[in-house]
Structure formats: structure tokens, C-alpha cells
């Protein structure tokens, strides 16, 4: 199974199914899917790892967030400043080790994208009960998601 060959809607469903149950991962994937740009881009699709679950044999797909940010930083994933902001915020939600400077990225977003980001933050927080977080109480990656600094 290849993320490059899959229709965008099917890829979005597979990513969302794989992330289901982990609020921050679900929020990150849903932000990317609802934004509507990245799942249509071959360069971004190459960053998605797709395969089969070793437990159930069911298809799974995950976005390699560090690779996505590296591609942005090195110019391998060209996109607008608004698209970059969405991807950086999603990456920060999807990987607590990836910080995002909100003051630098929020100014690039229009009202529609602010709404998508707000919904993603609310979605990430919806499952953040005891034992479900990936950062410690100080916001350090480990047990909960932090948007970083």
C-alpha cells in the first residue's frame, strides 16, 4: 500500500483511523485533512508511512511529523506561509518534541484557518484526561501534547 497511489479522501480516512483514540494525534491528522492542501501534494504524501498493523493486519498510515518539518525547513515542501503555519501547528500537536512559535505562525492565518486550528486545539484537549497526556505537568514532552514555545 502506498500513500502516493491512494485517493486523498481514502488517505485521510486511513490516517484518521490510525490516529483514533489518541486525542493529539487525531487533532493533528484532522487539521491536515480538513485544511485540504497537503493530502493532494505528492511531496507531502512521500512523508506518510503506510503499511499494515503488525497486530491486526489492517492498513495503517502515519504522518512522519519530523520529516514534514524538515521538508519545510529545507524547501523540499514548497507551500504558502498559511500552509506552512497549518503544517507546523499540526506537527506540534502530532509530536510533542516539535515546538511551534504561535506568535510567528498565527498571523499568517485567515479566519477559516484560525477556525481549523482552534478546532484542532479543542480536539487535542478533549481526550487529555489523566494518563492520556504526552507531556509532564511542566509541559515537557513525555506524556502529553504541548504547542511548545
Protein backbone atom coordinates (compact mmCIF):
# COMPACT_ATOMS: atom_id res chain seq x y z
CA UNK A 1 0.00 0.00 0.00
CA UNK A 2 1.36 3.40 -0.99
CA UNK A 3 0.21 6.79 0.23
CA UNK A 4 1.13 8.17 -3.20
CA UNK A 5 -1.35 5.94 -5.04
CA UNK A 6 -4.32 6.36 -2.70
CA UNK A 7 -7.10 8.91 -3.33
CA UNK A 8 -6.85 11.83 -0.87
CA UNK A 9 -10.19 11.03 0.80
CA UNK A 10 -9.18 7.41 1.39
CA UNK A 11 -5.79 8.50 2.74
CA UNK A 12 -7.48 10.97 5.11
CA UNK A 13 -9.73 8.19 6.44
CA UNK A 14 -6.79 5.84 6.90
CA UNK A 15 -4.76 8.50 8.75
CA UNK A 16 -7.75 9.37 10.96
CA UNK A 17 -8.46 5.70 11.70
CA UNK A 18 -4.83 5.12 12.67
CA UNK A 19 -4.79 8.19 14.95
CA UNK A 20 -8.17 7.43 16.55
CA UNK A 21 -8.06 7.17 20.32
CA UNK A 22 -5.05 9.44 20.77
CA UNK A 23 -6.55 12.93 21.01
CA UNK A 24 -3.50 14.97 19.97
CA UNK A 25 -2.64 12.67 17.05
CA UNK A 26 -6.25 12.72 15.94
CA UNK A 27 -6.31 16.52 16.16
CA UNK A 28 -3.12 16.85 14.11
CA UNK A 29 -4.29 14.50 11.36
CA UNK A 30 -7.77 16.04 11.28
CA UNK A 31 -6.25 19.52 10.92
CA UNK A 32 -4.21 18.37 7.92
CA UNK A 33 -7.18 16.56 6.36
CA UNK A 34 -9.65 19.43 6.85
CA UNK A 35 -7.19 22.03 5.61
CA UNK A 36 -7.37 20.28 2.26
CA UNK A 37 -3.96 21.12 0.77
CA UNK A 38 -1.37 18.63 1.88
CA UNK A 39 -3.05 15.30 1.15
CA UNK A 40 -3.12 16.28 -2.53
CA UNK A 41 0.62 17.06 -2.68
CA UNK A 42 2.98 14.26 -3.81
CA UNK A 43 5.84 15.77 -1.77
CA UNK A 44 3.79 15.55 1.41
CA UNK A 45 2.45 12.10 0.58
CA UNK A 46 6.03 10.80 0.45
CA UNK A 47 6.32 11.79 4.13
CA UNK A 48 3.43 9.49 5.07
CA UNK A 49 4.38 5.98 6.16
CA UNK A 50 1.72 3.46 5.13
CA UNK A 51 1.57 -0.25 5.77
CA UNK A 52 -0.21 -2.92 7.78
CA UNK A 53 -0.65 -3.23 11.53
CA UNK A 54 1.56 -5.96 12.98
CA UNK A 55 -1.28 -6.81 15.35
CA UNK A 56 -4.36 -6.92 13.15
CA UNK A 57 -3.00 -6.80 9.61
CA UNK A 58 -5.29 -3.82 8.96
CA UNK A 59 -3.94 -0.94 6.86
CA UNK A 60 -2.41 1.95 8.81
CA UNK A 61 -0.83 5.27 7.87
CA UNK A 62 1.04 7.88 9.89
CA UNK A 63 2.49 11.26 9.08
CA UNK A 64 6.17 11.46 9.90
CA UNK A 65 5.97 14.90 11.53
CA UNK A 66 9.71 15.49 11.93
CA UNK A 67 10.23 14.69 8.26
CA UNK A 68 7.45 17.12 7.35
CA UNK A 69 9.02 19.96 9.32
CA UNK A 70 12.46 19.11 7.88
CA UNK A 71 10.98 19.24 4.37
CA UNK A 72 9.52 22.69 5.14
CA UNK A 73 12.76 23.97 6.65
CA UNK A 74 14.86 22.79 3.70
CA UNK A 75 12.49 23.97 0.95
CA UNK A 76 11.54 20.45 -0.15
CA UNK A 77 7.86 21.05 0.56
CA UNK A 78 7.01 24.38 -1.04
CA UNK A 79 3.84 26.00 0.21
CA UNK A 80 2.40 29.35 1.24
CA UNK A 81 3.04 30.90 4.64
CA UNK A 82 -0.50 29.97 5.70
CA UNK A 83 0.03 26.35 4.63
CA UNK A 84 3.36 26.29 6.48
CA UNK A 85 1.65 27.58 9.62
CA UNK A 86 -1.00 24.85 9.46
CA UNK A 87 1.62 22.15 8.97
CA UNK A 88 3.82 23.45 11.81
CA UNK A 89 0.87 23.59 14.22
CA UNK A 90 -0.28 20.10 13.20
CA UNK A 91 3.26 18.76 13.60
CA UNK A 92 3.47 20.25 17.08
CA UNK A 93 0.21 18.57 18.03
CA UNK A 94 1.29 15.27 16.48
CA UNK A 95 4.77 15.20 18.02
CA UNK A 96 5.32 16.84 21.42
CA UNK A 97 9.01 17.23 20.61
CA UNK A 98 8.26 19.71 17.81
CA UNK A 99 7.76 23.23 19.15
CA UNK A 100 5.90 25.95 17.30
CA UNK A 101 6.11 29.65 17.99
CA UNK A 102 2.47 30.64 17.86
CA UNK A 103 3.23 34.35 17.62
CA UNK A 104 5.10 33.65 14.39
CA UNK A 105 2.52 31.40 12.73
CA UNK A 106 -0.91 32.64 13.78
CA UNK A 107 -0.51 35.94 11.93
CA UNK A 108 -0.33 34.04 8.65
CA UNK A 109 -3.79 32.51 9.05
CA UNK A 110 -7.12 33.77 7.76
CA UNK A 111 -10.36 33.28 9.72
CA UNK A 112 -11.09 29.90 8.11
CA UNK A 113 -7.67 28.54 9.10
CA UNK A 114 -7.89 30.08 12.58
CA UNK A 115 -11.15 28.14 12.93
CA UNK A 116 -9.42 24.90 11.84
CA UNK A 117 -6.58 25.46 14.32
CA UNK A 118 -9.00 26.29 17.14
CA UNK A 119 -10.98 23.13 16.42
CA UNK A 120 -7.75 21.10 16.41
CA UNK A 121 -6.68 22.50 19.78
CA UNK A 122 -10.10 21.73 21.26
CA UNK A 123 -9.98 18.23 19.76
CA UNK A 124 -6.48 17.63 21.19
CA UNK A 125 -7.67 18.73 24.60
CA UNK A 126 -10.85 16.65 24.54
CA UNK A 127 -9.09 13.43 25.49
CA UNK A 128 -6.47 14.89 27.77
CA UNK A 129 -7.60 13.15 30.92
CA UNK A 130 -5.23 11.52 33.42
CA UNK A 131 -2.86 9.10 31.76
CA UNK A 132 -3.72 10.27 28.25
CA UNK A 133 -1.35 13.22 28.04
CA UNK A 134 2.09 13.12 26.49
CA UNK A 135 3.77 15.98 28.43
CA UNK A 136 4.51 16.16 32.11
CA UNK A 137 2.96 18.79 34.37
CA UNK A 138 5.64 21.28 33.35
CA UNK A 139 4.80 20.88 29.67
CA UNK A 140 7.88 18.83 28.90
CA UNK A 141 7.41 16.18 26.20
CA UNK A 142 6.90 12.77 27.69
CA UNK A 143 3.21 12.28 28.38
CA UNK A 144 1.08 14.94 26.58
CA UNK A 145 0.98 17.38 23.73
CA UNK A 146 2.24 20.92 24.08
CA UNK A 147 2.18 23.54 21.37
CA UNK A 148 5.70 24.37 22.50
CA UNK A 149 7.26 27.78 22.70
